Amino acid sequence: LKNAALLASAQDSLSDAFTSIGTMVAIAGALVFDLTWLDGATSIVVGLFILYSGIKIFFSTSLNLADYFDPKAEAAYHDAIMEVHKVHRVVELKAHYNGNVVSLDATLTVNGKMTILESYQLSEKIKRMLRKKFGIIDTDISFIPDPNSFKDKDVKGHF
């Protein structure tokens, strides 16, 4: 599932299991073999494992928390949208993570004479393409009429 919450919970459970096993080994070693130093050594190993787990979780999630998104992936989304017939230009495109799900907001210019039904169908076509090609489930498409699609200069000046 690649769910960050599930991965963190699994890592926490693994840390708990490792800590319990280390504690059991230290107690058994101290009681059976009279190795008093084993408790300290086990504590250091368990501490290092917990520190490693924390650093691993931090680096895998810190960029998402800072609202960073890979520019190469955004460029691929841009290029894929530009290949869709009837899209004149991608004015703005912003991808971000919502948990582990990629959300995409895009503002596109299209023919200003396009009907509401045509723009709805175009939006659905783009959403299907992004879902199929990139696995993007949450897409918000906004359209702006392309001023060049109007021949009347009075209408063109209002955009």
Protein backbone atom coordinates (compact mmCIF):
# COMPACT_ATOMS: atom_id res chain seq x y z
CA LEU A 1 0.00 0.00 0.00
CA LYS A 2 2.97 2.32 0.58
CA ASN A 3 0.99 4.06 3.30
CA ALA A 4 3.26 6.21 5.48
CA ALA A 5 1.15 5.69 8.62
CA LEU A 6 1.20 1.90 8.20
CA LEU A 7 4.94 1.90 7.52
CA ALA A 8 5.60 4.01 10.63
CA SER A 9 3.39 1.73 12.72
CA ALA A 10 5.15 -1.36 11.39
CA GLN A 11 8.55 0.20 12.13
CA ASP A 12 7.37 1.01 15.67
CA SER A 13 6.19 -2.58 16.16
CA LEU A 14 9.53 -3.86 14.88
CA SER A 15 11.36 -1.56 17.31
CA ASP A 16 9.19 -2.84 20.18
CA ALA A 17 9.88 -6.46 19.22
CA PHE A 18 13.61 -5.80 18.93
CA THR A 19 13.63 -4.03 22.31
CA SER A 20 11.77 -6.92 23.94
CA ILE A 21 14.11 -9.53 22.47
CA GLY A 22 17.15 -7.49 23.54
CA THR A 23 15.78 -7.14 27.06
CA MET A 24 15.09 -10.87 27.24
CA VAL A 25 18.61 -11.73 26.04
CA ALA A 26 20.16 -9.28 28.54
CA ILE A 27 18.16 -10.66 31.48
CA ALA A 28 18.84 -14.28 30.50
CA GLY A 29 22.55 -13.59 30.00
CA ALA A 30 22.81 -11.79 33.35
CA LEU A 31 20.95 -14.55 35.23
CA VAL A 32 22.31 -17.66 33.53
CA PHE A 33 25.88 -16.65 32.67
CA ASP A 34 26.35 -13.85 35.23
CA LEU A 35 27.21 -11.37 32.42
CA THR A 36 26.32 -8.02 34.00
CA TRP A 37 27.83 -6.01 31.12
CA LEU A 38 25.35 -7.59 28.65
CA ASP A 39 22.52 -5.29 29.80
CA GLY A 40 24.49 -2.15 28.89
CA ALA A 41 25.66 -3.56 25.57
CA THR A 42 22.12 -4.60 24.64
CA SER A 43 20.81 -1.14 25.59
CA ILE A 44 23.32 0.51 23.24
CA VAL A 45 22.40 -1.80 20.34
CA VAL A 46 18.66 -1.27 20.88
CA GLY A 47 19.18 2.51 21.17
CA LEU A 48 21.12 2.59 17.90
CA PHE A 49 18.38 0.58 16.18
CA ILE A 50 15.70 3.01 17.41
CA LEU A 51 17.81 5.99 16.31
CA TYR A 52 18.30 4.41 12.86
CA SER A 53 14.54 3.81 12.55
CA GLY A 54 13.74 7.40 13.49
CA ILE A 55 16.21 8.83 11.00
CA LYS A 56 14.89 6.53 8.27
CA ILE A 57 11.29 7.65 8.90
CA PHE A 58 12.32 11.33 9.06
CA PHE A 59 14.13 11.29 5.72
CA SER A 60 11.36 9.37 3.97
CA THR A 61 8.65 11.84 5.09
CA SER A 62 10.34 15.22 5.66
CA LEU A 63 10.09 16.40 2.04
CA ASN A 64 6.36 15.60 2.00
CA LEU A 65 5.88 17.64 5.14
CA ALA A 66 7.61 20.59 3.47
CA ASP A 67 5.19 20.33 0.49
CA TYR A 68 8.06 19.39 -1.85
CA PHE A 69 7.25 17.57 -5.05
CA ASP A 70 9.66 16.22 -7.66
CA PRO A 71 9.93 18.79 -10.49
CA LYS A 72 10.66 16.00 -13.01
CA ALA A 73 7.34 14.33 -12.15
CA GLU A 74 5.50 17.66 -12.47
CA ALA A 75 7.15 18.17 -15.88
CA ALA A 76 5.96 14.70 -16.96
CA TYR A 77 2.40 15.57 -15.87
CA HIS A 78 2.64 18.88 -17.77
CA ASP A 79 3.83 17.16 -20.95
CA ALA A 80 1.12 14.49 -20.72
CA ILE A 81 -1.61 17.13 -20.34
CA MET A 82 -0.23 19.11 -23.28
CA GLU A 83 -0.62 16.02 -25.48
CA VAL A 84 -4.40 16.05 -24.89
CA HIS A 85 -6.27 17.44 -27.86
CA LYS A 86 -8.05 20.78 -27.16
CA VAL A 87 -5.62 21.87 -24.42
CA HIS A 88 -3.92 25.05 -25.60
CA ARG A 89 -1.60 25.70 -22.66
CA VAL A 90 -0.92 24.66 -19.07
CA VAL A 91 -1.01 27.93 -17.15
CA GLU A 92 -0.35 26.46 -13.72
CA LEU A 93 0.32 22.99 -12.40
CA LYS A 94 0.89 22.06 -8.76
CA ALA A 95 1.31 18.52 -7.49
CA HIS A 96 1.44 17.67 -3.81
CA TYR A 97 1.02 14.72 -1.48
CA ASN A 98 -2.15 14.15 0.49
CA GLY A 99 -0.87 11.36 2.71
CA ASN A 100 0.60 8.98 0.15
CA VAL A 101 -1.81 9.99 -2.59
CA VAL A 102 -0.67 12.47 -5.22
CA SER A 103 -3.08 15.37 -5.72
CA LEU A 104 -2.79 17.54 -8.80
CA ASP A 105 -4.20 21.02 -9.42
CA ALA A 106 -3.96 22.29 -12.99
CA THR A 107 -5.17 25.43 -14.72
CA LEU A 108 -5.41 25.12 -18.49
CA THR A 109 -6.33 27.41 -21.36
CA VAL A 110 -8.84 26.05 -23.85
CA ASN A 111 -11.02 27.39 -26.63
CA GLY A 112 -13.21 30.08 -25.07
CA LYS A 113 -16.18 28.94 -27.15
CA MET A 114 -16.13 25.45 -25.63
CA THR A 115 -19.46 24.45 -24.06
CA ILE A 116 -19.79 23.43 -20.43
CA LEU A 117 -20.40 19.84 -21.51
CA GLU A 118 -17.29 19.84 -23.72
CA SER A 119 -15.13 21.26 -20.94
CA TYR A 120 -16.52 18.69 -18.48
CA GLN A 121 -15.77 15.86 -20.92
CA LEU A 122 -12.25 17.23 -21.50
CA SER A 123 -11.68 17.43 -17.75
CA GLU A 124 -12.79 13.82 -17.28
CA LYS A 125 -10.58 12.70 -20.18
CA ILE A 126 -7.54 14.37 -18.58
CA LYS A 127 -8.35 12.86 -15.17
CA ARG A 128 -8.67 9.35 -16.65
CA MET A 129 -5.40 9.76 -18.53
CA LEU A 130 -3.53 10.93 -15.40
CA ARG A 131 -5.00 8.08 -13.35
CA LYS A 132 -4.05 5.48 -15.96
CA LYS A 133 -0.61 6.84 -16.81
CA PHE A 134 0.59 8.05 -13.38
CA GLY A 135 -1.83 6.64 -10.80
CA ILE A 136 -3.05 10.12 -9.79
CA ILE A 137 -6.43 9.74 -8.16
CA ASP A 138 -7.17 13.29 -7.00
CA THR A 139 -7.08 15.82 -9.85
CA ASP A 140 -8.61 19.28 -9.94
CA ILE A 141 -8.77 20.87 -13.39
CA SER A 142 -9.66 24.53 -13.98
CA PHE A 143 -10.13 26.07 -17.40
CA ILE A 144 -9.42 29.58 -18.62
CA PRO A 145 -10.67 30.69 -22.03
CA ASP A 146 -7.85 31.32 -24.47
CA PRO A 147 -8.16 34.99 -25.60
CA ASN A 148 -6.85 33.97 -29.04
CA SER A 149 -9.96 31.85 -29.58
CA PHE A 150 -12.11 34.99 -29.98
CA LYS A 151 -12.03 36.93 -33.20
CA ASP A 152 -14.10 39.84 -31.84
CA LYS A 153 -11.65 42.35 -30.32
CA ASP A 154 -14.27 43.67 -27.84
CA VAL A 155 -14.72 40.19 -26.35
CA LYS A 156 -10.95 39.50 -26.46
CA GLY A 157 -10.19 42.58 -24.33
CA HIS A 158 -12.28 41.25 -21.41
CA PHE A 159 -9.97 38.29 -20.84
